Amino acid sequence: MNRFEDAIHTARRSRGELTVEDFSEHWKRTQSDLYGNSVRLTDGYSIWWSYIPHFLHTPGYVYAYAFGELLVLSLYHSYKESGDESFADRYIQVLEAGGSDWPHELIGTLDKDIRDSGFWKEGLSVFEQMVSRAELLKREID
């Protein structure tokens, strides 16, 4: 979805207004690249980009979700590794703060620095563990 989002906004900046057909073409191409031959995308699927209006009016929409997911995975890793019983309460305080401060300041209250690449690697390690587990389950099924 990020590649679709990038494609439409890049095309819009370079070519001007896009047609429904332009959007559908970008959608079908990026989805075909994503799924390969694992699923059959019907002609009707070409318009499915339209069910997510955020693509059109919020550039970076998909990035925000990826950022949030990796942030939470990194925090989860920290929580599991530390055994800090106060973490949950402090995390709730961060959530309650909403967007009242910069992300690095809010997460800093959890003694974490999101400007440090090591923080993000912790979240990626959680994701890698999930992938490894899925691969193991697949081998068990086969």
N, C-alpha and C. Protein backbone atom coordinates (compact mmCIF):
# COMPACT_ATOMS: atom_id res chain seq x y z
N MET A 1 0.82 -1.20 0.00
CA MET A 1 0.00 0.00 0.00
C MET A 1 0.87 1.26 0.00
N ASN A 2 2.02 1.18 0.66
CA ASN A 2 2.92 2.32 0.65
C ASN A 2 3.40 2.60 -0.77
N ARG A 3 3.66 1.54 -1.52
CA ARG A 3 4.13 1.75 -2.90
C ARG A 3 3.03 2.37 -3.77
N PHE A 4 1.80 1.97 -3.54
CA PHE A 4 0.68 2.60 -4.25
C PHE A 4 0.60 4.07 -3.88
N GLU A 5 0.64 4.33 -2.60
CA GLU A 5 0.54 5.71 -2.12
C GLU A 5 1.66 6.57 -2.73
N ASP A 6 2.88 6.05 -2.71
CA ASP A 6 4.00 6.78 -3.29
C ASP A 6 3.78 7.00 -4.79
N ALA A 7 3.31 5.98 -5.48
CA ALA A 7 3.11 6.08 -6.93
C ALA A 7 2.09 7.14 -7.29
N ILE A 8 0.97 7.19 -6.58
CA ILE A 8 -0.07 8.17 -6.95
C ILE A 8 0.36 9.59 -6.63
N HIS A 9 1.00 9.78 -5.50
CA HIS A 9 1.40 11.14 -5.14
C HIS A 9 2.57 11.62 -6.01
N THR A 10 3.47 10.70 -6.37
CA THR A 10 4.56 11.06 -7.28
C THR A 10 4.01 11.40 -8.66
N ALA A 11 3.08 10.58 -9.15
CA ALA A 11 2.47 10.84 -10.45
C ALA A 11 1.71 12.16 -10.44
N ARG A 12 1.02 12.44 -9.38
CA ARG A 12 0.25 13.69 -9.26
C ARG A 12 1.17 14.91 -9.31
N ARG A 13 2.29 14.81 -8.61
CA ARG A 13 3.23 15.94 -8.60
C ARG A 13 3.88 16.14 -9.98
N SER A 14 4.14 15.06 -10.68
CA SER A 14 4.85 15.19 -11.96
C SER A 14 3.91 15.40 -13.15
N ARG A 15 2.70 14.84 -13.11
CA ARG A 15 1.81 14.88 -14.27
C ARG A 15 0.58 15.75 -14.07
N GLY A 16 0.26 16.08 -12.86
CA GLY A 16 -0.97 16.83 -12.61
C GLY A 16 -2.09 15.90 -12.19
N GLU A 17 -3.32 16.37 -12.35
CA GLU A 17 -4.49 15.60 -11.92
C GLU A 17 -4.50 14.20 -12.52
N LEU A 18 -4.90 13.24 -11.72
CA LEU A 18 -4.99 11.84 -12.16
C LEU A 18 -6.44 11.45 -12.36
N THR A 19 -6.66 10.55 -13.27
CA THR A 19 -8.01 10.03 -13.52
C THR A 19 -8.24 8.80 -12.64
N VAL A 20 -9.47 8.38 -12.58
CA VAL A 20 -9.80 7.13 -11.89
C VAL A 20 -9.02 5.98 -12.51
N GLU A 21 -8.90 5.99 -13.82
CA GLU A 21 -8.15 4.94 -14.51
C GLU A 21 -6.67 4.96 -14.10
N ASP A 22 -6.10 6.16 -13.92
CA ASP A 22 -4.72 6.26 -13.46
C ASP A 22 -4.55 5.62 -12.08
N PHE A 23 -5.45 5.97 -11.18
CA PHE A 23 -5.40 5.39 -9.83
C PHE A 23 -5.51 3.86 -9.90
N SER A 24 -6.46 3.41 -10.71
CA SER A 24 -6.69 1.97 -10.83
C SER A 24 -5.48 1.26 -11.41
N GLU A 25 -4.83 1.88 -12.38
CA GLU A 25 -3.63 1.29 -12.98
C GLU A 25 -2.51 1.17 -11.94
N HIS A 26 -2.29 2.23 -11.18
CA HIS A 26 -1.27 2.18 -10.12
C HIS A 26 -1.61 1.12 -9.08
N TRP A 27 -2.88 1.07 -8.71
CA TRP A 27 -3.31 0.09 -7.71
C TRP A 27 -3.06 -1.34 -8.20
N LYS A 28 -3.52 -1.63 -9.40
CA LYS A 28 -3.39 -2.98 -9.94
C LYS A 28 -1.92 -3.38 -10.06
N ARG A 29 -1.06 -2.45 -10.53
CA ARG A 29 0.36 -2.77 -10.69
C ARG A 29 1.03 -3.02 -9.34
N THR A 30 0.80 -2.13 -8.38
CA THR A 30 1.47 -2.31 -7.09
C THR A 30 0.93 -3.53 -6.34
N GLN A 31 -0.35 -3.81 -6.48
CA GLN A 31 -0.92 -4.98 -5.83
C GLN A 31 -0.44 -6.27 -6.51
N SER A 32 -0.31 -6.23 -7.83
CA SER A 32 0.22 -7.39 -8.55
C SER A 32 1.66 -7.66 -8.13
N ASP A 33 2.45 -6.59 -7.99
CA ASP A 33 3.83 -6.74 -7.52
C ASP A 33 3.86 -7.35 -6.12
N LEU A 34 2.93 -6.92 -5.28
CA LEU A 34 2.87 -7.41 -3.90
C LEU A 34 2.50 -8.89 -3.84
N TYR A 35 1.42 -9.25 -4.52
CA TYR A 35 0.89 -10.61 -4.40
C TYR A 35 1.51 -11.62 -5.36
N GLY A 36 2.13 -11.13 -6.43
CA GLY A 36 2.71 -12.06 -7.40
C GLY A 36 1.65 -13.01 -7.91
N ASN A 37 1.99 -14.29 -7.93
CA ASN A 37 1.02 -15.28 -8.42
C ASN A 37 0.32 -16.01 -7.27
N SER A 38 0.39 -15.42 -6.08
CA SER A 38 -0.23 -16.10 -4.92
C SER A 38 -1.75 -15.96 -4.90
N VAL A 39 -2.27 -14.92 -5.54
CA VAL A 39 -3.72 -14.74 -5.66
C VAL A 39 -4.02 -14.23 -7.06
N ARG A 40 -5.25 -14.42 -7.48
CA ARG A 40 -5.68 -13.90 -8.79
C ARG A 40 -6.47 -12.63 -8.55
N LEU A 41 -5.96 -11.53 -9.07
CA LEU A 41 -6.65 -10.24 -8.93
C LEU A 41 -7.59 -10.06 -10.13
N THR A 42 -8.86 -9.91 -9.84
CA THR A 42 -9.85 -9.76 -10.90
C THR A 42 -9.84 -8.33 -11.43
N ASP A 43 -10.48 -8.13 -12.57
CA ASP A 43 -10.58 -6.78 -13.13
C ASP A 43 -11.29 -5.84 -12.16
N GLY A 44 -12.30 -6.35 -11.47
CA GLY A 44 -13.03 -5.53 -10.51
C GLY A 44 -12.19 -5.05 -9.33
N TYR A 45 -11.09 -5.76 -9.07
CA TYR A 45 -10.21 -5.38 -7.96
C TYR A 45 -9.49 -4.06 -8.24
N SER A 46 -9.41 -3.66 -9.48
CA SER A 46 -8.67 -2.45 -9.84
C SER A 46 -9.19 -1.20 -9.14
N ILE A 47 -10.45 -1.18 -8.77
CA ILE A 47 -11.04 0.01 -8.15
C ILE A 47 -10.98 -0.02 -6.61
N TRP A 48 -10.45 -1.07 -6.06
CA TRP A 48 -10.46 -1.22 -4.60
C TRP A 48 -9.65 -0.17 -3.87
N TRP A 49 -8.78 0.55 -4.56
CA TRP A 49 -8.07 1.64 -3.91
C TRP A 49 -9.05 2.65 -3.33
N SER A 50 -10.22 2.74 -3.91
CA SER A 50 -11.19 3.77 -3.52
C SER A 50 -11.82 3.53 -2.16
N TYR A 51 -11.66 2.34 -1.60
CA TYR A 51 -12.25 2.09 -0.27
C TYR A 51 -11.41 2.68 0.85
N ILE A 52 -10.24 3.24 0.51
CA ILE A 52 -9.38 3.86 1.52
C ILE A 52 -9.18 5.33 1.12
N PRO A 53 -10.07 6.21 1.55
CA PRO A 53 -9.99 7.61 1.11
C PRO A 53 -8.74 8.33 1.60
N HIS A 54 -8.12 7.83 2.65
CA HIS A 54 -6.93 8.49 3.20
C HIS A 54 -5.80 8.56 2.18
N PHE A 55 -5.76 7.62 1.25
CA PHE A 55 -4.72 7.65 0.22
C PHE A 55 -4.71 8.99 -0.51
N LEU A 56 -5.88 9.54 -0.71
CA LEU A 56 -6.00 10.73 -1.55
C LEU A 56 -5.68 12.01 -0.80
N HIS A 57 -6.14 12.14 0.41
CA HIS A 57 -6.00 13.42 1.09
C HIS A 57 -4.97 13.44 2.21
N THR A 58 -4.26 12.34 2.43
CA THR A 58 -3.28 12.30 3.51
C THR A 58 -2.00 11.61 3.06
N PRO A 59 -1.15 12.31 2.31
CA PRO A 59 0.12 11.69 1.93
C PRO A 59 0.89 11.24 3.17
N GLY A 60 1.45 10.06 3.13
CA GLY A 60 2.16 9.52 4.29
C GLY A 60 1.28 8.72 5.21
N TYR A 61 0.05 8.50 4.82
CA TYR A 61 -0.92 7.78 5.64
C TYR A 61 -0.40 6.39 6.03
N VAL A 62 0.10 5.64 5.06
CA VAL A 62 0.57 4.29 5.34
C VAL A 62 1.82 4.33 6.22
N TYR A 63 2.67 5.31 5.98
CA TYR A 63 3.89 5.46 6.77
C TYR A 63 3.55 5.62 8.25
N ALA A 64 2.51 6.39 8.56
CA ALA A 64 2.13 6.61 9.95
C ALA A 64 1.77 5.30 10.65
N TYR A 65 1.08 4.42 9.94
CA TYR A 65 0.75 3.12 10.52
C TYR A 65 2.00 2.28 10.74
N ALA A 66 2.91 2.29 9.78
CA ALA A 66 4.15 1.53 9.92
C ALA A 66 4.97 2.07 11.09
N PHE A 67 5.04 3.39 11.21
CA PHE A 67 5.75 4.01 12.33
C PHE A 67 5.16 3.56 13.66
N GLY A 68 3.83 3.64 13.76
CA GLY A 68 3.16 3.26 15.00
C GLY A 68 3.35 1.80 15.35
N GLU A 69 3.26 0.94 14.35
CA GLU A 69 3.43 -0.50 14.59
C GLU A 69 4.84 -0.80 15.08
N LEU A 70 5.83 -0.25 14.41
CA LEU A 70 7.21 -0.51 14.82
C LEU A 70 7.52 0.12 16.18
N LEU A 71 6.93 1.28 16.45
CA LEU A 71 7.10 1.92 17.76
C LEU A 71 6.58 1.00 18.87
N VAL A 72 5.39 0.47 18.68
CA VAL A 72 4.79 -0.40 19.69
C VAL A 72 5.59 -1.70 19.85
N LEU A 73 6.04 -2.27 18.74
CA LEU A 73 6.85 -3.48 18.84
C LEU A 73 8.15 -3.22 19.59
N SER A 74 8.76 -2.07 19.36
CA SER A 74 10.00 -1.72 20.07
C SER A 74 9.73 -1.54 21.55
N LEU A 75 8.64 -0.88 21.88
CA LEU A 75 8.29 -0.69 23.29
C LEU A 75 7.94 -2.02 23.94
N TYR A 76 7.24 -2.87 23.23
CA TYR A 76 6.89 -4.19 23.75
C TYR A 76 8.16 -4.98 24.05
N HIS A 77 9.11 -4.93 23.15
CA HIS A 77 10.39 -5.62 23.37
C HIS A 77 11.06 -5.10 24.64
N SER A 78 11.08 -3.79 24.78
CA SER A 78 11.69 -3.19 25.97
C SER A 78 10.99 -3.65 27.24
N TYR A 79 9.68 -3.66 27.20
CA TYR A 79 8.89 -4.09 28.35
C TYR A 79 9.20 -5.54 28.71
N LYS A 80 9.19 -6.41 27.71
CA LYS A 80 9.44 -7.83 27.97
C LYS A 80 10.86 -8.07 28.50
N GLU A 81 11.82 -7.34 27.98
CA GLU A 81 13.21 -7.52 28.39
C GLU A 81 13.48 -6.96 29.78
N SER A 82 12.82 -5.86 30.11
CA SER A 82 13.13 -5.17 31.37
C SER A 82 12.43 -5.78 32.58
N GLY A 83 11.25 -6.30 32.38
CA GLY A 83 10.47 -6.78 33.52
C GLY A 83 10.03 -5.65 34.44
N ASP A 84 10.08 -4.43 33.94
CA ASP A 84 9.74 -3.24 34.71
C ASP A 84 8.23 -3.19 34.95
N GLU A 85 7.82 -3.38 36.19
CA GLU A 85 6.39 -3.42 36.51
C GLU A 85 5.73 -2.05 36.40
N SER A 86 6.51 -0.98 36.41
CA SER A 86 5.93 0.36 36.29
C SER A 86 5.73 0.76 34.82
N PHE A 87 6.24 -0.06 33.90
CA PHE A 87 6.18 0.29 32.48
C PHE A 87 4.74 0.51 32.02
N ALA A 88 3.83 -0.38 32.37
CA ALA A 88 2.44 -0.28 31.90
C ALA A 88 1.82 1.04 32.32
N ASP A 89 2.03 1.44 33.56
CA ASP A 89 1.46 2.71 34.03
C ASP A 89 2.07 3.90 33.30
N ARG A 90 3.37 3.84 33.07
CA ARG A 90 4.03 4.93 32.36
C ARG A 90 3.60 4.96 30.90
N TYR A 91 3.37 3.80 30.32
CA TYR A 91 2.90 3.72 28.94
C TYR A 91 1.49 4.33 28.82
N ILE A 92 0.65 4.05 29.78
CA ILE A 92 -0.70 4.64 29.80
C ILE A 92 -0.59 6.17 29.85
N GLN A 93 0.35 6.68 30.61
CA GLN A 93 0.54 8.13 30.69
C GLN A 93 0.96 8.71 29.33
N VAL A 94 1.79 7.97 28.61
CA VAL A 94 2.18 8.40 27.27
C VAL A 94 0.95 8.45 26.36
N LEU A 95 0.12 7.42 26.42
CA LEU A 95 -1.09 7.40 25.60
C LEU A 95 -2.03 8.54 25.98
N GLU A 96 -2.15 8.79 27.26
CA GLU A 96 -3.02 9.88 27.72
C GLU A 96 -2.52 11.24 27.26
N ALA A 97 -1.22 11.36 27.07
CA ALA A 97 -0.64 12.63 26.63
C ALA A 97 -0.99 12.95 25.18
N GLY A 98 -1.40 11.93 24.42
CA GLY A 98 -1.78 12.15 23.03
C GLY A 98 -0.67 12.80 22.24
N GLY A 99 -1.01 13.80 21.48
CA GLY A 99 -0.03 14.52 20.67
C GLY A 99 0.43 15.81 21.32
N SER A 100 0.47 15.84 22.64
CA SER A 100 0.79 17.07 23.37
C SER A 100 2.26 17.45 23.31
N ASP A 101 3.11 16.57 22.82
CA ASP A 101 4.54 16.86 22.75
C ASP A 101 5.12 16.08 21.56
N TRP A 102 6.37 16.34 21.26
CA TRP A 102 7.05 15.60 20.21
C TRP A 102 7.17 14.13 20.58
N PRO A 103 7.08 13.23 19.60
CA PRO A 103 7.18 11.79 19.91
C PRO A 103 8.44 11.42 20.69
N HIS A 104 9.58 12.01 20.34
CA HIS A 104 10.80 11.64 21.07
C HIS A 104 10.74 12.09 22.53
N GLU A 105 10.03 13.16 22.79
CA GLU A 105 9.86 13.62 24.19
C GLU A 105 8.92 12.68 24.95
N LEU A 106 7.81 12.32 24.35
CA LEU A 106 6.85 11.44 25.00
C LEU A 106 7.46 10.07 25.28
N ILE A 107 8.10 9.49 24.27
CA ILE A 107 8.70 8.16 24.46
C ILE A 107 9.90 8.25 25.39
N GLY A 108 10.53 9.40 25.44
CA GLY A 108 11.64 9.62 26.38
C GLY A 108 11.22 9.43 27.83
N THR A 109 9.94 9.65 28.14
CA THR A 109 9.46 9.43 29.52
C THR A 109 9.48 7.95 29.89
N LEU A 110 9.63 7.10 28.87
CA LEU A 110 9.75 5.66 29.10
C LEU A 110 11.22 5.23 29.10
N ASP A 111 12.10 6.23 29.17
CA ASP A 111 13.55 5.99 29.14
C ASP A 111 13.99 5.34 27.83
N LYS A 112 13.35 5.72 26.74
CA LYS A 112 13.69 5.22 25.41
C LYS A 112 13.95 6.40 24.49
N ASP A 113 14.87 6.22 23.55
CA ASP A 113 15.21 7.27 22.61
C ASP A 113 14.91 6.80 21.19
N ILE A 114 13.84 7.34 20.61
CA ILE A 114 13.45 6.91 19.27
C ILE A 114 14.40 7.44 18.20
N ARG A 115 15.32 8.31 18.59
CA ARG A 115 16.33 8.80 17.64
C ARG A 115 17.51 7.84 17.53
N ASP A 116 17.52 6.82 18.38
CA ASP A 116 18.57 5.80 18.39
C ASP A 116 18.13 4.63 17.51
N SER A 117 18.91 4.28 16.51
CA SER A 117 18.54 3.18 15.62
C SER A 117 18.39 1.86 16.37
N GLY A 118 19.09 1.71 17.49
CA GLY A 118 18.97 0.49 18.28
C GLY A 118 17.55 0.28 18.80
N PHE A 119 16.86 1.36 19.11
CA PHE A 119 15.48 1.27 19.56
C PHE A 119 14.62 0.60 18.50
N TRP A 120 14.78 1.02 17.25
CA TRP A 120 13.97 0.47 16.15
C TRP A 120 14.36 -0.96 15.84
N LYS A 121 15.62 -1.28 16.02
CA LYS A 121 16.06 -2.67 15.79
C LYS A 121 15.40 -3.63 16.77
N GLU A 122 15.09 -3.15 17.97
CA GLU A 122 14.38 -3.99 18.93
C GLU A 122 13.00 -4.37 18.39
N GLY A 123 12.31 -3.41 17.80
CA GLY A 123 11.00 -3.70 17.22
C GLY A 123 11.09 -4.63 16.03
N LEU A 124 12.12 -4.41 15.22
CA LEU A 124 12.31 -5.30 14.07
C LEU A 124 12.61 -6.71 14.52
N SER A 125 13.30 -6.86 15.65
CA SER A 125 13.59 -8.21 16.15
C SER A 125 12.30 -8.92 16.56
N VAL A 126 11.35 -8.18 17.12
CA VAL A 126 10.06 -8.79 17.47
C VAL A 126 9.36 -9.25 16.18
N PHE A 127 9.40 -8.40 15.16
CA PHE A 127 8.78 -8.76 13.88
C PHE A 127 9.47 -9.99 13.29
N GLU A 128 10.79 -10.03 13.34
CA GLU A 128 11.53 -11.19 12.83
C GLU A 128 11.14 -12.46 13.57
N GLN A 129 10.90 -12.35 14.87
CA GLN A 129 10.47 -13.52 15.64
C GLN A 129 9.10 -13.99 15.16
N MET A 130 8.21 -13.06 14.84
CA MET A 130 6.89 -13.44 14.34
C MET A 130 7.01 -14.16 13.00
N VAL A 131 7.88 -13.65 12.13
CA VAL A 131 8.08 -14.28 10.82
C VAL A 131 8.66 -15.67 11.01
N SER A 132 9.65 -15.80 11.88
CA SER A 132 10.25 -17.11 12.14
C SER A 132 9.21 -18.09 12.66
N ARG A 133 8.36 -17.63 13.55
CA ARG A 133 7.31 -18.48 14.11
C ARG A 133 6.33 -18.91 13.01
N ALA A 134 5.97 -17.98 12.13
CA ALA A 134 5.06 -18.31 11.03
C ALA A 134 5.70 -19.33 10.09
N GLU A 135 6.99 -19.16 9.82
CA GLU A 135 7.68 -20.12 8.95
C GLU A 135 7.73 -21.50 9.59
N LEU A 136 7.95 -21.55 10.90
CA LEU A 136 7.97 -22.82 11.62
C LEU A 136 6.60 -23.49 11.56
N LEU A 137 5.55 -22.73 11.79
CA LEU A 137 4.20 -23.27 11.72
C LEU A 137 3.89 -23.79 10.32
N LYS A 138 4.35 -23.06 9.31
CA LYS A 138 4.14 -23.51 7.92
C LYS A 138 4.82 -24.86 7.69
N ARG A 139 6.05 -25.02 8.19
CA ARG A 139 6.75 -26.29 8.02
C ARG A 139 6.01 -27.41 8.77
N GLU A 140 5.46 -27.11 9.93
CA GLU A 140 4.70 -28.11 10.68
C GLU A 140 3.45 -28.53 9.93
N ILE A 141 2.80 -27.59 9.28
CA ILE A 141 1.59 -27.88 8.52
C ILE A 141 1.91 -28.75 7.32
N ASP A 142 3.02 -28.41 6.65
CA ASP A 142 3.42 -29.17 5.45
C ASP A 142 3.88 -30.55 5.88
